[in-house]
């Protein structure tokens, strides 16, 4: 009897259906995974959509979330360091700027735009600084492409056989920030060809945009030749001027001497007449 009762309890335990797993609502998880992509991280919960299996385990593309959270850290997005005023370095990822983007400090914004420029293929420089009327604190900065504006005309270029290549072509690309943290304006388009490489650093970009030593030597040699030619011409003019002055002086001296001689002659004749009386 006792054995039969035990077997019946075992059969009831085996035949009993296990309770249903607790179902989780995906909207809650999606809302928790909604991260701002403005900082270079995930901003689309659909890419990290979570699903529930029959046994209640969470199945989702967590690998995709991790890969997207590291966006810009591959070969195409160069990570650079820029020095701050206090001697420390700022590490930034070379994403593309956008209006409304926020930075912690001015150095971070400048380092970000420098990194973006090196990745795209241009150099940057600081162009505009706005200060507050009360206290003189910095309230705005503008960083531009190094080809912004135009080079002032040089009168010597008119006489140069091969004038130097223009270094500024009026490029409009720029990045403006206010309150040292918020991007207020971003111009992406350039009016010149970009250096099509992402592996060159600042020195490589400078080397591409600055003429080589041979070109510089040839240009300086031409300028030196022209300067010497102009100097020789000026020397000839000065020599002619001195010759003219010397001739004029000699002629003037002769005239003065003639007048003096005439005066003496007149005085001598006057004395003779006076003595004859």
Protein backbone atom coordinates (compact mmCIF):
# COMPACT_ATOMS: atom_id res chain seq x y z
CA UNK A 1 0.00 0.00 0.00
CA UNK A 2 2.72 2.42 0.95
CA UNK A 3 4.66 1.59 -2.22
CA UNK A 4 1.60 2.13 -4.41
CA UNK A 5 0.91 5.52 -2.82
CA UNK A 6 4.50 6.58 -3.45
CA UNK A 7 4.32 5.61 -7.15
CA UNK A 8 1.05 7.54 -7.55
CA UNK A 9 2.65 10.70 -6.10
CA UNK A 10 5.62 10.36 -8.49
CA UNK A 11 3.29 10.00 -11.52
CA UNK A 12 1.29 13.08 -10.44
CA UNK A 13 4.53 15.14 -10.10
CA UNK A 14 5.72 14.07 -13.56
CA UNK A 15 2.38 14.78 -15.24
CA UNK A 16 2.05 18.22 -13.62
CA UNK A 17 2.57 21.10 -16.21
CA UNK A 18 5.26 23.57 -15.21
CA UNK A 19 4.16 27.20 -14.66
CA UNK A 20 4.40 29.64 -17.55
CA UNK A 21 7.46 31.88 -17.56
CA UNK A 22 7.04 35.54 -16.73
CA UNK A 23 6.66 37.57 -19.93
CA UNK A 24 8.66 40.82 -20.06
CA UNK A 25 7.45 43.79 -22.07
CA UNK A 26 9.89 44.86 -24.76
CA UNK A 27 8.87 48.56 -24.79
CA UNK A 28 10.34 48.95 -21.32
CA UNK A 29 13.62 47.44 -22.43
CA UNK A 30 13.61 49.48 -25.62
CA UNK A 31 13.12 52.66 -23.67
CA UNK A 32 16.03 51.75 -21.44
CA UNK A 33 18.25 51.16 -24.47
CA UNK A 34 17.41 54.47 -26.15
CA UNK A 35 20.84 56.12 -26.03
CA UNK A 36 21.72 59.42 -27.61
CA UNK A 37 23.67 58.96 -30.83
CA UNK A 38 24.74 62.60 -30.69
CA UNK A 39 27.63 61.45 -28.55
CA UNK A 40 28.59 58.80 -31.07
CA UNK A 41 26.62 55.97 -29.40
CA UNK A 42 23.49 53.99 -30.26
CA UNK A 43 20.24 55.89 -30.81
CA UNK A 44 17.97 53.31 -32.39
CA UNK A 45 16.44 50.70 -30.15
CA UNK A 46 15.24 48.75 -33.20
CA UNK A 47 18.83 47.64 -33.85
CA UNK A 48 18.95 46.14 -30.40
CA UNK A 49 15.47 44.64 -30.42
CA UNK A 50 15.04 42.09 -27.68
CA UNK A 51 12.94 38.98 -28.08
CA UNK A 52 11.75 36.41 -25.60
CA UNK A 53 12.00 32.67 -26.11
CA UNK A 54 9.52 30.16 -24.86
CA UNK A 55 11.52 29.49 -21.74
CA UNK A 56 11.56 33.21 -20.81
CA UNK A 57 15.24 33.80 -21.69
CA UNK A 58 16.14 37.08 -23.34
CA UNK A 59 17.45 36.72 -26.89
CA UNK A 60 18.75 39.88 -28.52
CA UNK A 61 21.47 41.24 -30.78
CA UNK A 62 23.72 42.37 -27.97
CA UNK A 63 26.73 42.02 -30.29
CA UNK A 64 25.24 44.65 -32.58
CA UNK A 65 24.70 46.99 -29.64
CA UNK A 66 28.31 46.61 -28.57
CA UNK A 67 29.61 47.14 -32.10
CA UNK A 68 27.52 50.26 -32.63
CA UNK A 69 28.50 51.68 -29.28
CA UNK A 70 32.11 51.61 -30.51
CA UNK A 71 31.27 53.41 -33.73
CA UNK A 72 34.16 55.41 -35.13
CA UNK A 73 36.92 53.45 -33.43
CA UNK A 74 37.92 51.48 -36.52
CA UNK A 75 40.41 52.26 -39.23
CA UNK A 76 38.20 54.84 -40.91
CA UNK A 77 37.74 56.95 -37.77
CA UNK A 78 41.00 58.20 -36.38
CA UNK A 79 41.29 58.85 -32.67
CA UNK A 80 43.62 61.75 -31.88
CA UNK A 81 44.94 63.58 -28.85
CA UNK A 82 45.17 67.36 -28.60
CA UNK A 83 46.98 69.17 -25.81
CA UNK A 84 45.01 71.39 -23.44
CA UNK A 85 46.17 74.67 -21.92
CA UNK A 86 46.90 72.97 -18.61
CA UNK A 87 49.23 70.43 -20.27
CA UNK A 88 46.81 67.50 -20.29
CA UNK A 89 45.56 65.84 -23.48
CA UNK A 90 42.04 65.52 -24.85
CA UNK A 91 41.12 62.29 -26.65
CA UNK A 92 38.37 62.61 -29.25
CA UNK A 93 36.80 60.41 -31.91
CA UNK A 94 36.62 61.81 -35.43
CA UNK A 95 32.86 61.77 -36.02
CA UNK A 96 31.15 64.41 -38.14
CA UNK A 97 30.05 67.53 -36.23
CA UNK A 98 26.43 68.68 -36.17
CA UNK A 99 24.47 71.68 -34.91
CA UNK A 100 23.53 71.26 -31.27
CA UNK A 101 26.50 69.07 -30.41
CA UNK A 102 27.87 69.74 -26.93
CA UNK A 103 31.43 69.70 -25.63
CA UNK A 104 32.82 69.94 -22.15
CA UNK A 105 35.58 72.45 -22.94
CA UNK A 106 36.90 74.61 -25.75
CA UNK A 107 39.93 72.32 -26.09
CA UNK A 108 37.63 69.33 -26.59
CA UNK A 109 35.75 71.11 -29.39
CA UNK A 110 38.97 72.15 -31.12
CA UNK A 111 40.44 68.66 -30.79
CA UNK A 112 37.23 67.16 -32.17
CA UNK A 113 37.27 69.42 -35.26
CA UNK A 114 41.00 68.82 -35.78
CA UNK A 115 40.43 65.06 -35.69
CA UNK A 116 37.52 65.40 -38.11
CA UNK A 117 39.66 67.50 -40.45
CA UNK A 118 42.53 65.01 -40.45
CA UNK A 119 40.12 62.16 -41.17
CA UNK A 120 38.39 64.00 -44.02
CA UNK A 121 41.56 65.54 -45.45
CA UNK A 122 42.02 69.21 -44.46
CA UNK A 123 43.69 71.29 -41.78
CA UNK A 124 41.94 73.65 -39.39
CA UNK A 125 42.78 76.92 -37.70
CA UNK A 126 41.12 79.31 -35.26
CA UNK A 127 39.53 82.27 -37.03
CA UNK A 128 37.13 84.17 -34.75
CA UNK A 129 36.91 84.83 -31.03
CA UNK A 130 33.95 86.45 -29.29
CA UNK A 131 34.24 87.89 -25.80
CA UNK A 132 31.59 89.07 -23.40
CA UNK A 133 31.25 92.81 -22.86
CA UNK A 134 31.01 92.14 -19.16
CA UNK A 135 34.23 90.65 -17.87
CA UNK A 136 35.75 89.79 -21.24
CA UNK A 137 35.11 86.06 -20.91
CA UNK A 138 35.12 83.96 -24.06
CA UNK A 139 31.59 83.23 -25.27
CA UNK A 140 32.21 81.93 -28.78
CA UNK A 141 34.77 80.42 -31.12
CA UNK A 142 34.91 79.73 -34.84
CA UNK A 143 37.21 77.13 -36.35
CA UNK A 144 37.69 77.19 -40.13
CA UNK A 145 39.49 75.34 -42.89
CA UNK A 146 43.04 76.58 -43.39
CA UNK A 147 42.08 77.57 -46.95
CA UNK A 148 39.44 80.02 -45.72
CA UNK A 149 39.71 83.54 -47.12
CA UNK A 150 42.19 84.77 -49.71
CA UNK A 151 45.87 85.66 -49.62
CA UNK A 152 46.66 89.35 -49.98
CA UNK A 153 48.04 90.19 -53.44
CA UNK A 154 51.79 90.62 -53.60
CA UNK A 155 53.13 93.21 -56.04
CA UNK A 156 56.17 91.02 -56.64
CA UNK A 157 53.95 88.31 -58.13
CA UNK A 158 53.38 90.51 -61.18
CA UNK A 159 57.05 90.28 -62.10
CA UNK A 160 57.43 86.63 -61.13
CA UNK A 161 57.51 84.18 -64.00
CA UNK A 162 55.92 81.43 -61.93
CA UNK A 163 54.04 82.97 -59.00
CA UNK A 164 53.55 80.76 -56.00
CA UNK A 165 50.42 78.67 -55.80
CA UNK A 166 47.52 80.17 -53.81
CA UNK A 167 47.23 78.83 -50.27
CA UNK A 168 43.75 80.21 -49.61
CA UNK A 169 40.82 79.78 -51.98
CA UNK A 170 37.90 81.19 -49.98
CA UNK A 171 36.76 77.91 -48.46
CA UNK A 172 33.54 78.22 -46.42
CA UNK A 173 33.93 75.12 -44.26
CA UNK A 174 33.74 76.07 -40.59
CA UNK A 175 32.53 75.13 -37.11
CA UNK A 176 31.12 77.72 -34.69
CA UNK A 177 30.46 77.15 -31.01
CA UNK A 178 28.94 79.36 -28.34
CA UNK A 179 29.45 79.29 -24.61
CA UNK A 180 32.46 77.06 -25.38
CA UNK A 181 30.23 73.98 -25.52
CA UNK A 182 27.40 74.06 -28.09
CA UNK A 183 27.81 73.91 -31.88
CA UNK A 184 25.72 76.68 -33.45
CA UNK A 185 26.85 76.41 -37.07
CA UNK A 186 28.59 73.79 -39.17
CA UNK A 187 29.54 74.14 -42.84
CA UNK A 188 30.64 70.82 -44.32
CA UNK A 189 31.25 71.69 -47.99
CA UNK A 190 34.71 72.73 -49.19
CA UNK A 191 35.56 74.76 -52.29
CA UNK A 192 38.77 72.83 -52.96
CA UNK A 193 39.93 69.25 -53.33
CA UNK A 194 40.49 67.37 -50.09
CA UNK A 195 43.43 65.11 -49.36
CA UNK A 196 41.92 61.69 -50.00
CA UNK A 197 43.55 59.82 -47.14
CA UNK A 198 42.64 59.05 -43.56
CA UNK A 199 46.01 57.71 -42.48
CA UNK A 200 47.99 60.93 -42.81
CA UNK A 201 48.39 63.06 -39.75
CA UNK A 202 48.74 66.82 -39.49
CA UNK A 203 52.31 66.71 -40.81
CA UNK A 204 51.22 64.72 -43.86
CA UNK A 205 48.50 67.22 -44.68
CA UNK A 206 50.94 70.09 -44.29
CA UNK A 207 53.40 68.37 -46.63
CA UNK A 208 50.68 67.98 -49.26
CA UNK A 209 49.68 71.64 -49.14
CA UNK A 210 53.12 73.26 -48.81
CA UNK A 211 55.46 73.28 -51.83
CA UNK A 212 58.59 71.16 -51.61
CA UNK A 213 62.10 72.50 -51.00
CA UNK A 214 63.05 72.47 -54.67
CA UNK A 215 60.10 74.66 -55.60
CA UNK A 216 60.90 77.05 -52.77
CA UNK A 217 64.54 77.30 -53.83
CA UNK A 218 63.56 78.02 -57.44
CA UNK A 219 61.08 80.66 -56.35
CA UNK A 220 63.59 82.34 -54.02
CA UNK A 221 66.26 82.23 -56.75
CA UNK A 222 63.93 83.97 -59.19
CA UNK A 223 63.07 86.61 -56.62
CA UNK A 224 66.76 87.15 -55.82
CA UNK A 225 67.55 87.52 -59.53
CA UNK A 226 64.78 90.10 -59.94
CA UNK A 227 65.92 92.00 -56.85
CA UNK A 228 69.49 92.12 -58.16
CA UNK A 229 68.26 93.25 -61.56
CA UNK A 230 66.20 96.02 -59.98
CA UNK A 231 69.15 97.00 -57.79
CA UNK A 232 71.43 97.22 -60.83
CA UNK A 233 68.89 99.40 -62.63
CA UNK A 234 68.62 101.71 -59.63
CA UNK A 235 72.41 101.92 -59.42
CA UNK A 236 72.60 102.96 -63.08
CA UNK A 237 69.99 105.65 -62.49
CA UNK A 238 71.87 106.95 -59.45
CA UNK A 239 75.16 107.02 -61.38
CA UNK A 240 73.54 108.96 -64.21
CA UNK A 241 72.04 111.37 -61.71
CA UNK A 242 75.42 112.00 -60.08
CA UNK A 243 77.04 112.49 -63.49
CA UNK A 244 74.38 115.04 -64.38
CA UNK A 245 74.86 116.82 -61.07
CA UNK A 246 78.62 116.88 -61.57
CA UNK A 247 78.30 118.29 -65.08
CA UNK A 248 75.82 120.88 -63.89
CA UNK A 249 78.14 121.83 -61.03
CA UNK A 250 81.11 122.24 -63.35
CA UNK A 251 79.08 124.35 -65.75
CA UNK A 252 77.80 126.47 -62.89
CA UNK A 253 81.35 126.91 -61.58
CA UNK A 254 82.51 128.11 -64.99
CA UNK A 255 79.70 130.64 -65.15
CA UNK A 256 80.48 131.92 -61.68
CA UNK A 257 84.15 132.20 -62.53
CA UNK A 258 83.29 134.10 -65.72
CA UNK A 259 81.21 136.58 -63.75
CA UNK A 260 84.00 137.03 -61.21
CA UNK A 261 86.53 137.64 -63.96
CA UNK A 262 84.26 140.20 -65.62
CA UNK A 263 83.78 142.04 -62.35
CA UNK A 264 87.54 142.19 -61.81
CA UNK A 265 88.06 143.40 -65.35
CA UNK A 266 85.52 146.18 -64.92
CA UNK A 267 87.08 147.24 -61.63
CA UNK A 268 90.53 147.31 -63.23
CA UNK A 269 89.36 149.50 -66.09
CA UNK A 270 87.66 151.84 -63.66
CA UNK A 271 90.86 152.31 -61.68
CA UNK A 272 92.85 153.04 -64.84
CA UNK A 273 90.42 155.74 -65.90
CA UNK A 274 90.50 157.25 -62.45
CA UNK A 275 94.29 157.43 -62.49
CA UNK A 276 94.34 159.06 -65.92
CA UNK A 277 92.36 161.97 -64.60
